[in-house]
Amino acid sequence: MLKHRRIRTKGKVPFSKYFQQFKEGDVVAVTQELGFIFGYKHTLQGRTGKIISKKGEAYEVEVKDINCPKTYFLRPIHLKKIQLAK
């Protein structure tokens, strides 16, 4: 589990990651950006889920926890789009 950023990337946040857009139904992975407050347990790191809707600046993401689906509101800086294999 990551606890700090590498020395060469401290303080730097790419604008493309901060302002990225997602559509409903996109599959995303939760990747914690250590330069910003995450607000959830660290066990959410690395999980995959589906975008349900957009609420303000955040996205509503449905993540399955064993068999129970749970919804989280995450900012786009903590999300990474996944390409599904065809």
C-alpha atoms as a PDB file:
ATOM      1  CA  MET A   1       0.000   0.000   0.000  1.00  0.00           C
ATOM      2  CA  LEU A   2       1.316   3.401  -0.937  1.00  0.00           C
ATOM      3  CA  LYS A   3       1.875   5.894   1.860  1.00  0.00           C
ATOM      4  CA  HIS A   4       3.721   8.725   0.160  1.00  0.00           C
ATOM      5  CA  ARG A   5       4.523  10.024  -3.298  1.00  0.00           C
ATOM      6  CA  ARG A   6       7.871   9.653  -5.000  1.00  0.00           C
ATOM      7  CA  ILE A   7      10.183  12.626  -4.515  1.00  0.00           C
ATOM      8  CA  ARG A   8      10.135  13.646  -8.198  1.00  0.00           C
ATOM      9  CA  THR A   9       6.344  13.764  -8.390  1.00  0.00           C
ATOM     10  CA  LYS A  10       5.619  15.607  -5.143  1.00  0.00           C
ATOM     11  CA  GLY A  11       3.384  18.607  -5.638  1.00  0.00           C
ATOM     12  CA  LYS A  12       2.746  17.839  -9.297  1.00  0.00           C
ATOM     13  CA  VAL A  13      -0.754  16.927 -10.469  1.00  0.00           C
ATOM     14  CA  PRO A  14      -1.448  16.561 -14.175  1.00  0.00           C
ATOM     15  CA  PHE A  15      -4.414  18.681 -15.221  1.00  0.00           C
ATOM     16  CA  SER A  16      -5.550  15.969 -17.624  1.00  0.00           C
ATOM     17  CA  LYS A  17      -6.033  13.618 -14.669  1.00  0.00           C
ATOM     18  CA  TYR A  18      -7.785  16.268 -12.593  1.00  0.00           C
ATOM     19  CA  PHE A  19     -10.279  17.251 -15.326  1.00  0.00           C
ATOM     20  CA  GLN A  20     -10.887  13.852 -16.960  1.00  0.00           C
ATOM     21  CA  GLN A  21     -14.449  13.032 -18.042  1.00  0.00           C
ATOM     22  CA  PHE A  22     -16.319   9.732 -17.756  1.00  0.00           C
ATOM     23  CA  LYS A  23     -19.613   8.520 -19.192  1.00  0.00           C
ATOM     24  CA  GLU A  24     -22.266   6.424 -17.508  1.00  0.00           C
ATOM     25  CA  GLY A  25     -21.376   2.744 -17.770  1.00  0.00           C
ATOM     26  CA  ASP A  26     -17.605   3.261 -18.014  1.00  0.00           C
ATOM     27  CA  VAL A  27     -15.509   0.772 -16.054  1.00  0.00           C
ATOM     28  CA  VAL A  28     -12.953   2.439 -13.789  1.00  0.00           C
ATOM     29  CA  ALA A  29     -10.327   1.449 -11.236  1.00  0.00           C
ATOM     30  CA  VAL A  30      -9.936   3.299  -7.945  1.00  0.00           C
ATOM     31  CA  THR A  31      -6.381   4.627  -7.683  1.00  0.00           C
ATOM     32  CA  GLN A  32      -5.736   6.812  -4.666  1.00  0.00           C
ATOM     33  CA  GLU A  33      -3.952  10.065  -5.504  1.00  0.00           C
ATOM     34  CA  LEU A  34      -1.773  10.693  -2.468  1.00  0.00           C
ATOM     35  CA  GLY A  35      -1.610  14.450  -2.977  1.00  0.00           C
ATOM     36  CA  PHE A  36      -5.360  14.821  -2.278  1.00  0.00           C
ATOM     37  CA  ILE A  37      -7.602  13.717   0.562  1.00  0.00           C
ATOM     38  CA  PHE A  38      -9.150  10.351  -0.276  1.00  0.00           C
ATOM     39  CA  GLY A  39     -11.724  10.089   2.522  1.00  0.00           C
ATOM     40  CA  TYR A  40     -12.292   6.329   2.307  1.00  0.00           C
ATOM     41  CA  LYS A  41     -10.612   3.188   3.598  1.00  0.00           C
ATOM     42  CA  HIS A  42      -7.379   2.209   1.903  1.00  0.00           C
ATOM     43  CA  THR A  43      -8.877  -1.207   1.073  1.00  0.00           C
ATOM     44  CA  LEU A  44     -10.823   0.526  -1.711  1.00  0.00           C
ATOM     45  CA  GLN A  45      -7.490   1.101  -3.519  1.00  0.00           C
ATOM     46  CA  GLY A  46      -7.275  -1.036  -6.667  1.00  0.00           C
ATOM     47  CA  ARG A  47     -10.929  -2.067  -6.818  1.00  0.00           C
ATOM     48  CA  THR A  48     -12.858  -1.787 -10.060  1.00  0.00           C
ATOM     49  CA  GLY A  49     -16.355  -0.476 -10.511  1.00  0.00           C
ATOM     50  CA  LYS A  50     -18.837   1.066 -12.905  1.00  0.00           C
ATOM     51  CA  ILE A  51     -19.807   4.744 -13.240  1.00  0.00           C
ATOM     52  CA  ILE A  52     -23.483   5.235 -12.401  1.00  0.00           C
ATOM     53  CA  SER A  53     -23.860   9.028 -12.561  1.00  0.00           C
ATOM     54  CA  LYS A  54     -22.164  12.356 -11.949  1.00  0.00           C
ATOM     55  CA  LYS A  55     -22.984  14.414  -8.849  1.00  0.00           C
ATOM     56  CA  GLY A  56     -21.339  17.844  -8.930  1.00  0.00           C
ATOM     57  CA  GLU A  57     -17.596  17.335  -9.339  1.00  0.00           C
ATOM     58  CA  ALA A  58     -17.683  13.716  -8.158  1.00  0.00           C
ATOM     59  CA  TYR A  59     -18.790  10.497  -9.822  1.00  0.00           C
ATOM     60  CA  GLU A  60     -21.024   7.857  -8.279  1.00  0.00           C
ATOM     61  CA  VAL A  61     -19.163   4.545  -8.629  1.00  0.00           C
ATOM     62  CA  GLU A  62     -20.644   1.116  -7.877  1.00  0.00           C
ATOM     63  CA  VAL A  63     -18.039  -1.301  -6.499  1.00  0.00           C
ATOM     64  CA  LYS A  64     -18.758  -4.915  -5.557  1.00  0.00           C
ATOM     65  CA  ASP A  65     -17.623  -5.889  -2.067  1.00  0.00           C
ATOM     66  CA  ILE A  66     -17.703  -9.703  -2.182  1.00  0.00           C
ATOM     67  CA  ASN A  67     -21.350 -10.113  -3.303  1.00  0.00           C
ATOM     68  CA  CYS A  68     -22.812  -6.831  -2.044  1.00  0.00           C
ATOM     69  CA  PRO A  69     -22.632  -3.832  -4.417  1.00  0.00           C
ATOM     70  CA  LYS A  70     -21.712  -0.558  -2.698  1.00  0.00           C
ATOM     71  CA  THR A  71     -21.764   2.967  -4.076  1.00  0.00           C
ATOM     72  CA  TYR A  72     -19.075   5.586  -3.465  1.00  0.00           C
ATOM     73  CA  PHE A  73     -18.758   9.205  -4.528  1.00  0.00           C
ATOM     74  CA  LEU A  74     -15.224   9.740  -5.847  1.00  0.00           C
ATOM     75  CA  ARG A  75     -13.503  12.644  -7.541  1.00  0.00           C
ATOM     76  CA  PRO A  76     -12.065  11.979 -11.003  1.00  0.00           C
ATOM     77  CA  ILE A  77      -8.477  12.376  -9.771  1.00  0.00           C
ATOM     78  CA  HIS A  78      -8.879   9.078  -7.884  1.00  0.00           C
ATOM     79  CA  LEU A  79     -10.243   7.188 -10.915  1.00  0.00           C
ATOM     80  CA  LYS A  80      -8.598   5.524 -13.905  1.00  0.00           C
ATOM     81  CA  LYS A  81     -10.500   4.307 -16.956  1.00  0.00           C
ATOM     82  CA  ILE A  82     -10.122   0.617 -17.846  1.00  0.00           C
ATOM     83  CA  GLN A  83     -10.287  -0.781 -21.371  1.00  0.00           C
ATOM     84  CA  LEU A  84     -12.175  -4.085 -21.371  1.00  0.00           C
ATOM     85  CA  ALA A  85     -10.659  -6.880 -23.470  1.00  0.00           C
ATOM     86  CA  LYS A  86     -12.767  -7.884 -26.462  1.00  0.00           C
END
